[in-house]
Every structure is written in structure tokens, then in C-alpha cells.
Amino acid sequence: AAVDWSGRNVRYVDSVKGRFTISRDNTKDTVLL
């Protein structure tokens, strides 16, 4: 999974679509899966 600088644009490998979610919090310098 990948997310751009804004957190608005995300991409996933087909095998995890619908199951995994990537997100980021730019106020906490953290990315989650």
C-alpha cells in the first residue's frame, strides 16, 4: 500500500484491496496500515 504526502491518494496491491487500509497523520508523523 502507498499514500501520497496529503493522505488523499492511496494505492493497494490487488490481493489486499478491501481488507487493508493505509493512512497517515501528518500531525503525528505516523503512517498506519
PDB file of all heavy atoms in Angstrom:
ATOM      1  N   ALA A   1       0.840  -1.187   0.000  1.00  0.00           N
ATOM      2  CA  ALA A   1       0.000   0.000   0.000  1.00  0.00           C
ATOM      3  C   ALA A   1       0.871   1.231   0.000  1.00  0.00           C
ATOM      4  O   ALA A   1       1.977   1.223   0.538  1.00  0.00           O
ATOM      5  CB  ALA A   1      -0.936   0.008   1.216  1.00  0.00           C
ATOM      6  N   ALA A   2       0.378   2.299  -0.598  1.00  0.00           N
ATOM      7  CA  ALA A   2       1.112   3.550  -0.650  1.00  0.00           C
ATOM      8  C   ALA A   2       0.158   4.712  -0.495  1.00  0.00           C
ATOM      9  O   ALA A   2      -1.013   4.628  -0.886  1.00  0.00           O
ATOM     10  CB  ALA A   2       1.884   3.679  -1.966  1.00  0.00           C
ATOM     11  N   VAL A   3       0.658   5.797   0.057  1.00  0.00           N
ATOM     12  CA  VAL A   3      -0.135   7.005   0.246  1.00  0.00           C
ATOM     13  C   VAL A   3       0.745   8.209  -0.050  1.00  0.00           C
ATOM     14  O   VAL A   3       1.929   8.225   0.307  1.00  0.00           O
ATOM     15  CB  VAL A   3      -0.730   7.062   1.675  1.00  0.00           C
ATOM     16  CG1 VAL A   3       0.365   7.030   2.734  1.00  0.00           C
ATOM     17  CG2 VAL A   3      -1.618   8.278   1.850  1.00  0.00           C
ATOM     18  N   ASP A   4       0.183   9.197  -0.701  1.00  0.00           N
ATOM     19  CA  ASP A   4       0.968  10.374  -1.047  1.00  0.00           C
ATOM     20  C   ASP A   4       1.098  11.315   0.144  1.00  0.00           C
ATOM     21  O   ASP A   4       0.613  11.033   1.240  1.00  0.00           O
ATOM     22  CB  ASP A   4       0.374  11.079  -2.274  1.00  0.00           C
ATOM     23  CG  ASP A   4      -0.869  11.909  -1.955  1.00  0.00           C
ATOM     24  OD1 ASP A   4      -1.495  11.712  -0.894  1.00  0.00           O
ATOM     25  OD2 ASP A   4      -1.226  12.761  -2.789  1.00  0.00           O
ATOM     26  N   TRP A   5       1.736  12.439  -0.065  1.00  0.00           N
ATOM     27  CA  TRP A   5       2.036  13.360   1.025  1.00  0.00           C
ATOM     28  C   TRP A   5       0.793  13.889   1.726  1.00  0.00           C
ATOM     29  O   TRP A   5       0.833  14.197   2.925  1.00  0.00           O
ATOM     30  CB  TRP A   5       2.853  14.542   0.495  1.00  0.00           C
ATOM     31  CG  TRP A   5       2.083  15.384  -0.497  1.00  0.00           C
ATOM     32  CD1 TRP A   5       2.023  15.205  -1.845  1.00  0.00           C
ATOM     33  CD2 TRP A   5       1.258  16.515  -0.203  1.00  0.00           C
ATOM     34  NE1 TRP A   5       1.208  16.160  -2.410  1.00  0.00           N
ATOM     35  CE2 TRP A   5       0.726  16.980  -1.426  1.00  0.00           C
ATOM     36  CE3 TRP A   5       0.925  17.187   0.980  1.00  0.00           C
ATOM     37  CZ2 TRP A   5      -0.130  18.083  -1.506  1.00  0.00           C
ATOM     38  CZ3 TRP A   5       0.070  18.288   0.907  1.00  0.00           C
ATOM     39  CH2 TRP A   5      -0.445  18.716  -0.334  1.00  0.00           C
ATOM     40  N   SER A   6      -0.302  14.025   0.980  1.00  0.00           N
ATOM     41  CA  SER A   6      -1.514  14.621   1.534  1.00  0.00           C
ATOM     42  C   SER A   6      -2.398  13.625   2.267  1.00  0.00           C
ATOM     43  O   SER A   6      -3.268  14.024   3.038  1.00  0.00           O
ATOM     44  CB  SER A   6      -2.327  15.278   0.421  1.00  0.00           C
ATOM     45  OG  SER A   6      -2.951  14.311  -0.398  1.00  0.00           O
ATOM     46  N   GLY A   7      -2.210  12.331   2.001  1.00  0.00           N
ATOM     47  CA  GLY A   7      -3.078  11.310   2.548  1.00  0.00           C
ATOM     48  C   GLY A   7      -4.329  11.082   1.730  1.00  0.00           C
ATOM     49  O   GLY A   7      -5.124  10.199   2.060  1.00  0.00           O
ATOM     50  N   ARG A   8      -4.506  11.831   0.674  1.00  0.00           N
ATOM     51  CA  ARG A   8      -5.727  11.741  -0.124  1.00  0.00           C
ATOM     52  C   ARG A   8      -5.659  10.679  -1.213  1.00  0.00           C
ATOM     53  O   ARG A   8      -6.698  10.174  -1.640  1.00  0.00           O
ATOM     54  CB  ARG A   8      -6.028  13.088  -0.777  1.00  0.00           C
ATOM     55  CG  ARG A   8      -6.349  14.200   0.210  1.00  0.00           C
ATOM     56  CD  ARG A   8      -6.659  15.491  -0.519  1.00  0.00           C
ATOM     57  NE  ARG A   8      -7.011  16.574   0.391  1.00  0.00           N
ATOM     58  CZ  ARG A   8      -7.329  17.800   0.007  1.00  0.00           C
ATOM     59  NH1 ARG A   8      -7.335  18.104  -1.291  1.00  0.00           N
ATOM     60  NH2 ARG A   8      -7.628  18.723   0.896  1.00  0.00           N
ATOM     61  N   ASN A   9      -4.463  10.360  -1.666  1.00  0.00           N
ATOM     62  CA  ASN A   9      -4.289   9.413  -2.760  1.00  0.00           C
ATOM     63  C   ASN A   9      -3.616   8.149  -2.249  1.00  0.00           C
ATOM     64  O   ASN A   9      -2.504   8.198  -1.715  1.00  0.00           O
ATOM     65  CB  ASN A   9      -3.461  10.042  -3.877  1.00  0.00           C
ATOM     66  CG  ASN A   9      -4.110  11.290  -4.436  1.00  0.00           C
ATOM     67  OD1 ASN A   9      -5.224  11.238  -4.953  1.00  0.00           O
ATOM     68  ND2 ASN A   9      -3.433  12.421  -4.338  1.00  0.00           N
ATOM     69  N   VAL A  10      -4.296   7.025  -2.409  1.00  0.00           N
ATOM     70  CA  VAL A  10      -3.797   5.752  -1.909  1.00  0.00           C
ATOM     71  C   VAL A  10      -3.844   4.704  -3.006  1.00  0.00           C
ATOM     72  O   VAL A  10      -4.643   4.789  -3.939  1.00  0.00           O
ATOM     73  CB  VAL A  10      -4.594   5.259  -0.685  1.00  0.00           C
ATOM     74  CG1 VAL A  10      -4.461   6.233   0.471  1.00  0.00           C
ATOM     75  CG2 VAL A  10      -6.067   5.075  -1.046  1.00  0.00           C
ATOM     76  N   ARG A  11      -2.975   3.712  -2.891  1.00  0.00           N
ATOM     77  CA  ARG A  11      -2.944   2.584  -3.812  1.00  0.00           C
ATOM     78  C   ARG A  11      -2.671   1.313  -3.036  1.00  0.00           C
ATOM     79  O   ARG A  11      -1.972   1.334  -2.031  1.00  0.00           O
ATOM     80  CB  ARG A  11      -1.884   2.774  -4.900  1.00  0.00           C
ATOM     81  CG  ARG A  11      -2.211   3.847  -5.922  1.00  0.00           C
ATOM     82  CD  ARG A  11      -1.255   3.795  -7.086  1.00  0.00           C
ATOM     83  NE  ARG A  11      -1.679   4.657  -8.173  1.00  0.00           N
ATOM     84  CZ  ARG A  11      -1.165   4.647  -9.386  1.00  0.00           C
ATOM     85  NH1 ARG A  11      -0.186   3.802  -9.676  1.00  0.00           N
ATOM     86  NH2 ARG A  11      -1.608   5.468 -10.304  1.00  0.00           N
ATOM     87  N   TYR A  12      -3.214   0.198  -3.535  1.00  0.00           N
ATOM     88  CA  TYR A  12      -3.053  -1.099  -2.902  1.00  0.00           C
ATOM     89  C   TYR A  12      -2.761  -2.176  -3.932  1.00  0.00           C
ATOM     90  O   TYR A  12      -3.254  -2.113  -5.066  1.00  0.00           O
ATOM     91  CB  TYR A  12      -4.323  -1.514  -2.150  1.00  0.00           C
ATOM     92  CG  TYR A  12      -4.764  -0.546  -1.095  1.00  0.00           C
ATOM     93  CD1 TYR A  12      -5.700   0.441  -1.374  1.00  0.00           C
ATOM     94  CD2 TYR A  12      -4.240  -0.616   0.198  1.00  0.00           C
ATOM     95  CE1 TYR A  12      -6.106   1.334  -0.400  1.00  0.00           C
ATOM     96  CE2 TYR A  12      -4.645   0.270   1.172  1.00  0.00           C
ATOM     97  CZ  TYR A  12      -5.576   1.247   0.870  1.00  0.00           C
ATOM     98  OH  TYR A  12      -5.980   2.129   1.844  1.00  0.00           O
ATOM     99  N   VAL A  13      -1.992  -3.160  -3.524  1.00  0.00           N
ATOM    100  CA  VAL A  13      -1.854  -4.344  -4.352  1.00  0.00           C
ATOM    101  C   VAL A  13      -3.203  -5.063  -4.371  1.00  0.00           C
ATOM    102  O   VAL A  13      -3.965  -5.014  -3.399  1.00  0.00           O
ATOM    103  CB  VAL A  13      -0.725  -5.254  -3.820  1.00  0.00           C
ATOM    104  CG1 VAL A  13      -1.090  -5.861  -2.474  1.00  0.00           C
ATOM    105  CG2 VAL A  13      -0.368  -6.329  -4.823  1.00  0.00           C
ATOM    106  N   ASP A  14      -3.521  -5.699  -5.493  1.00  0.00           N
ATOM    107  CA  ASP A  14      -4.842  -6.294  -5.660  1.00  0.00           C
ATOM    108  C   ASP A  14      -5.205  -7.270  -4.545  1.00  0.00           C
ATOM    109  O   ASP A  14      -6.368  -7.349  -4.133  1.00  0.00           O
ATOM    110  CB  ASP A  14      -4.931  -7.012  -7.010  1.00  0.00           C
ATOM    111  CG  ASP A  14      -5.039  -6.060  -8.180  1.00  0.00           C
ATOM    112  OD1 ASP A  14      -5.332  -4.872  -7.959  1.00  0.00           O
ATOM    113  OD2 ASP A  14      -4.837  -6.511  -9.321  1.00  0.00           O
ATOM    114  N   SER A  15      -4.244  -8.006  -4.048  1.00  0.00           N
ATOM    115  CA  SER A  15      -4.520  -9.053  -3.078  1.00  0.00           C
ATOM    116  C   SER A  15      -5.001  -8.531  -1.726  1.00  0.00           C
ATOM    117  O   SER A  15      -5.543  -9.301  -0.931  1.00  0.00           O
ATOM    118  CB  SER A  15      -3.287  -9.933  -2.872  1.00  0.00           C
ATOM    119  OG  SER A  15      -2.200  -9.179  -2.375  1.00  0.00           O
ATOM    120  N   VAL A  16      -4.825  -7.247  -1.446  1.00  0.00           N
ATOM    121  CA  VAL A  16      -5.248  -6.705  -0.154  1.00  0.00           C
ATOM    122  C   VAL A  16      -6.372  -5.692  -0.282  1.00  0.00           C
ATOM    123  O   VAL A  16      -6.861  -5.192   0.744  1.00  0.00           O
ATOM    124  CB  VAL A  16      -4.069  -6.075   0.621  1.00  0.00           C
ATOM    125  CG1 VAL A  16      -2.897  -7.043   0.682  1.00  0.00           C
ATOM    126  CG2 VAL A  16      -3.646  -4.746   0.003  1.00  0.00           C
ATOM    127  N   LYS A  17      -6.797  -5.394  -1.483  1.00  0.00           N
ATOM    128  CA  LYS A  17      -7.869  -4.417  -1.675  1.00  0.00           C
ATOM    129  C   LYS A  17      -9.132  -4.862  -0.955  1.00  0.00           C
ATOM    130  O   LYS A  17      -9.546  -6.013  -1.040  1.00  0.00           O
ATOM    131  CB  LYS A  17      -8.159  -4.220  -3.161  1.00  0.00           C
ATOM    132  CG  LYS A  17      -7.082  -3.448  -3.901  1.00  0.00           C
ATOM    133  CD  LYS A  17      -7.441  -3.263  -5.367  1.00  0.00           C
ATOM    134  CE  LYS A  17      -6.379  -2.456  -6.093  1.00  0.00           C
ATOM    135  NZ  LYS A  17      -6.678  -2.312  -7.547  1.00  0.00           N
ATOM    136  N   GLY A  18      -9.733  -3.930  -0.234  1.00  0.00           N
ATOM    137  CA  GLY A  18     -10.922  -4.236   0.529  1.00  0.00           C
ATOM    138  C   GLY A  18     -10.645  -4.769   1.913  1.00  0.00           C
ATOM    139  O   GLY A  18     -11.571  -4.869   2.728  1.00  0.00           O
ATOM    140  N   ARG A  19      -9.397  -5.126   2.197  1.00  0.00           N
ATOM    141  CA  ARG A  19      -9.043  -5.667   3.507  1.00  0.00           C
ATOM    142  C   ARG A  19      -8.085  -4.757   4.275  1.00  0.00           C
ATOM    143  O   ARG A  19      -8.167  -4.684   5.496  1.00  0.00           O
ATOM    144  CB  ARG A  19      -8.400  -7.044   3.360  1.00  0.00           C
ATOM    145  CG  ARG A  19      -9.308  -8.076   2.697  1.00  0.00           C
ATOM    146  CD  ARG A  19      -8.714  -9.473   2.782  1.00  0.00           C
ATOM    147  NE  ARG A  19      -7.444  -9.567   2.056  1.00  0.00           N
ATOM    148  CZ  ARG A  19      -6.288  -9.906   2.618  1.00  0.00           C
ATOM    149  NH1 ARG A  19      -6.227 -10.183   3.914  1.00  0.00           N
ATOM    150  NH2 ARG A  19      -5.179  -9.986   1.876  1.00  0.00           N
ATOM    151  N   PHE A  20      -7.169  -4.102   3.565  1.00  0.00           N
ATOM    152  CA  PHE A  20      -6.161  -3.254   4.202  1.00  0.00           C
ATOM    153  C   PHE A  20      -6.471  -1.791   3.922  1.00  0.00           C
ATOM    154  O   PHE A  20      -6.997  -1.439   2.857  1.00  0.00           O
ATOM    155  CB  PHE A  20      -4.763  -3.554   3.662  1.00  0.00           C
ATOM    156  CG  PHE A  20      -4.192  -4.889   4.051  1.00  0.00           C
ATOM    157  CD1 PHE A  20      -4.959  -5.866   4.662  1.00  0.00           C
ATOM    158  CD2 PHE A  20      -2.851  -5.153   3.794  1.00  0.00           C
ATOM    159  CE1 PHE A  20      -4.418  -7.089   5.013  1.00  0.00           C
ATOM    160  CE2 PHE A  20      -2.300  -6.376   4.137  1.00  0.00           C
ATOM    161  CZ  PHE A  20      -3.076  -7.345   4.747  1.00  0.00           C
ATOM    162  N   THR A  21      -6.104  -0.938   4.862  1.00  0.00           N
ATOM    163  CA  THR A  21      -6.256   0.497   4.698  1.00  0.00           C
ATOM    164  C   THR A  21      -4.996   1.197   5.182  1.00  0.00           C
ATOM    165  O   THR A  21      -4.578   0.998   6.321  1.00  0.00           O
ATOM    166  CB  THR A  21      -7.458   1.037   5.488  1.00  0.00           C
ATOM    167  OG1 THR A  21      -8.655   0.370   5.077  1.00  0.00           O
ATOM    168  CG2 THR A  21      -7.614   2.539   5.251  1.00  0.00           C
ATOM    169  N   ILE A  22      -4.404   2.000   4.312  1.00  0.00           N
ATOM    170  CA  ILE A  22      -3.255   2.798   4.695  1.00  0.00           C
ATOM    171  C   ILE A  22      -3.723   4.219   4.995  1.00  0.00           C
ATOM    172  O   ILE A  22      -4.609   4.750   4.322  1.00  0.00           O
ATOM    173  CB  ILE A  22      -2.164   2.798   3.607  1.00  0.00           C
ATOM    174  CG1 ILE A  22      -0.887   3.482   4.110  1.00  0.00           C
ATOM    175  CG2 ILE A  22      -2.652   3.434   2.314  1.00  0.00           C
ATOM    176  CD1 ILE A  22       0.311   3.333   3.171  1.00  0.00           C
ATOM    177  N   SER A  23      -3.142   4.817   6.005  1.00  0.00           N
ATOM    178  CA  SER A  23      -3.478   6.185   6.350  1.00  0.00           C
ATOM    179  C   SER A  23      -2.259   6.853   6.970  1.00  0.00           C
ATOM    180  O   SER A  23      -1.317   6.185   7.393  1.00  0.00           O
ATOM    181  CB  SER A  23      -4.672   6.242   7.312  1.00  0.00           C
ATOM    182  OG  SER A  23      -4.372   5.585   8.530  1.00  0.00           O
ATOM    183  N   ARG A  24      -2.288   8.167   7.013  1.00  0.00           N
ATOM    184  CA  ARG A  24      -1.188   8.893   7.642  1.00  0.00           C
ATOM    185  C   ARG A  24      -1.736  10.050   8.448  1.00  0.00           C
ATOM    186  O   ARG A  24      -2.795  10.604   8.147  1.00  0.00           O
ATOM    187  CB  ARG A  24      -0.190   9.390   6.595  1.00  0.00           C
ATOM    188  CG  ARG A  24      -0.719  10.484   5.670  1.00  0.00           C
ATOM    189  CD  ARG A  24       0.266  10.775   4.534  1.00  0.00           C
ATOM    190  NE  ARG A  24       1.538  11.273   5.036  1.00  0.00           N
ATOM    191  CZ  ARG A  24       2.678  11.249   4.334  1.00  0.00           C
ATOM    192  NH1 ARG A  24       2.683  10.719   3.108  1.00  0.00           N
ATOM    193  NH2 ARG A  24       3.782  11.749   4.852  1.00  0.00           N
ATOM    194  N   ASP A  25      -1.003  10.399   9.487  1.00  0.00           N
ATOM    195  CA  ASP A  25      -1.342  11.531  10.318  1.00  0.00           C
ATOM    196  C   ASP A  25      -0.141  12.462  10.302  1.00  0.00           C
ATOM    197  O   ASP A  25       0.867  12.200  10.964  1.00  0.00           O
ATOM    198  CB  ASP A  25      -1.675  11.088  11.738  1.00  0.00           C
ATOM    199  CG  ASP A  25      -2.189  12.214  12.605  1.00  0.00           C
ATOM    200  OD1 ASP A  25      -1.989  13.392  12.245  1.00  0.00           O
ATOM    201  OD2 ASP A  25      -2.802  11.932  13.648  1.00  0.00           O
ATOM    202  N   ASN A  26      -0.246  13.533   9.545  1.00  0.00           N
ATOM    203  CA  ASN A  26       0.882  14.447   9.390  1.00  0.00           C
ATOM    204  C   ASN A  26       1.104  15.334  10.609  1.00  0.00           C
ATOM    205  O   ASN A  26       2.095  16.064  10.660  1.00  0.00           O
ATOM    206  CB  ASN A  26       0.696  15.302   8.136  1.00  0.00           C
ATOM    207  CG  ASN A  26       0.937  14.523   6.860  1.00  0.00           C
ATOM    208  OD1 ASN A  26       1.442  13.396   6.887  1.00  0.00           O
ATOM    209  ND2 ASN A  26       0.575  15.104   5.728  1.00  0.00           N
ATOM    210  N   THR A  27       0.188  15.290  11.567  1.00  0.00           N
ATOM    211  CA  THR A  27       0.401  15.997  12.818  1.00  0.00           C
ATOM    212  C   THR A  27       1.175  15.159  13.819  1.00  0.00           C
ATOM    213  O   THR A  27       1.679  15.686  14.809  1.00  0.00           O
ATOM    214  CB  THR A  27      -0.930  16.428  13.449  1.00  0.00           C
ATOM    215  OG1 THR A  27      -1.651  15.285  13.916  1.00  0.00           O
ATOM    216  CG2 THR A  27      -1.778  17.188  12.449  1.00  0.00           C
ATOM    217  N   LYS A  28       1.269  13.849  13.569  1.00  0.00           N
ATOM    218  CA  LYS A  28       1.965  12.935  14.471  1.00  0.00           C
ATOM    219  C   LYS A  28       3.125  12.206  13.803  1.00  0.00           C
ATOM    220  O   LYS A  28       3.757  11.360  14.432  1.00  0.00           O
ATOM    221  CB  LYS A  28       0.986  11.914  15.038  1.00  0.00           C
ATOM    222  CG  LYS A  28      -0.141  12.530  15.857  1.00  0.00           C
ATOM    223  CD  LYS A  28      -1.084  11.474  16.398  1.00  0.00           C
ATOM    224  CE  LYS A  28      -2.188  12.092  17.232  1.00  0.00           C
ATOM    225  NZ  LYS A  28      -3.134  11.071  17.737  1.00  0.00           N
ATOM    226  N   ASP A  29       3.391  12.516  12.553  1.00  0.00           N
ATOM    227  CA  ASP A  29       4.474  11.877  11.795  1.00  0.00           C
ATOM    228  C   ASP A  29       4.359  10.359  11.854  1.00  0.00           C
ATOM    229  O   ASP A  29       5.325   9.640  12.174  1.00  0.00           O
ATOM    230  CB  ASP A  29       5.841  12.329  12.303  1.00  0.00           C
ATOM    231  CG  ASP A  29       6.136  13.789  12.002  1.00  0.00           C
ATOM    232  OD1 ASP A  29       5.259  14.479  11.436  1.00  0.00           O
ATOM    233  OD2 ASP A  29       7.236  14.249  12.335  1.00  0.00           O
ATOM    234  N   THR A  30       3.170   9.866  11.533  1.00  0.00           N
ATOM    235  CA  THR A  30       2.882   8.449  11.651  1.00  0.00           C
ATOM    236  C   THR A  30       2.106   7.963  10.434  1.00  0.00           C
ATOM    237  O   THR A  30       1.248   8.678   9.914  1.00  0.00           O
ATOM    238  CB  THR A  30       2.056   8.161  12.914  1.00  0.00           C
ATOM    239  OG1 THR A  30       2.784   8.595  14.069  1.00  0.00           O
ATOM    240  CG2 THR A  30       1.753   6.681  13.050  1.00  0.00           C
ATOM    241  N   VAL A  31       2.410   6.761   9.988  1.00  0.00           N
ATOM    242  CA  VAL A  31       1.631   6.101   8.945  1.00  0.00           C
ATOM    243  C   VAL A  31       1.158   4.767   9.498  1.00  0.00           C
ATOM    244  O   VAL A  31       1.903   4.070  10.192  1.00  0.00           O
ATOM    245  CB  VAL A  31       2.431   5.933   7.640  1.00  0.00           C
ATOM    246  CG1 VAL A  31       3.681   5.094   7.858  1.00  0.00           C
ATOM    247  CG2 VAL A  31       1.560   5.329   6.548  1.00  0.00           C
ATOM    248  N   LEU A  32      -0.088   4.419   9.201  1.00  0.00           N
ATOM    249  CA  LEU A  32      -0.706   3.218   9.721  1.00  0.00           C
ATOM    250  C   LEU A  32      -1.097   2.290   8.594  1.00  0.00           C
ATOM    251  O   LEU A  32      -1.366   2.717   7.479  1.00  0.00           O
ATOM    252  CB  LEU A  32      -1.954   3.560  10.536  1.00  0.00           C
ATOM    253  CG  LEU A  32      -1.794   4.520  11.709  1.00  0.00           C
ATOM    254  CD1 LEU A  32      -3.158   4.823  12.317  1.00  0.00           C
ATOM    255  CD2 LEU A  32      -0.858   3.941  12.756  1.00  0.00           C
ATOM    256  N   LEU A  33      -1.147   1.009   8.903  1.00  0.00           N
ATOM    257  CA  LEU A  33      -1.709   0.021   7.998  1.00  0.00           C
ATOM    258  C   LEU A  33      -2.678  -0.834   8.794  1.00  0.00           C
ATOM    259  O   LEU A  33      -2.256  -1.666   9.596  1.00  0.00           O
ATOM    260  CB  LEU A  33      -0.628  -0.852   7.357  1.00  0.00           C
ATOM    261  CG  LEU A  33      -1.138  -1.849   6.314  1.00  0.00           C
ATOM    262  CD1 LEU A  33      -1.647  -1.106   5.071  1.00  0.00           C
ATOM    263  CD2 LEU A  33      -0.047  -2.840   5.921  1.00  0.00           C
TER     264      LEU A  33
END
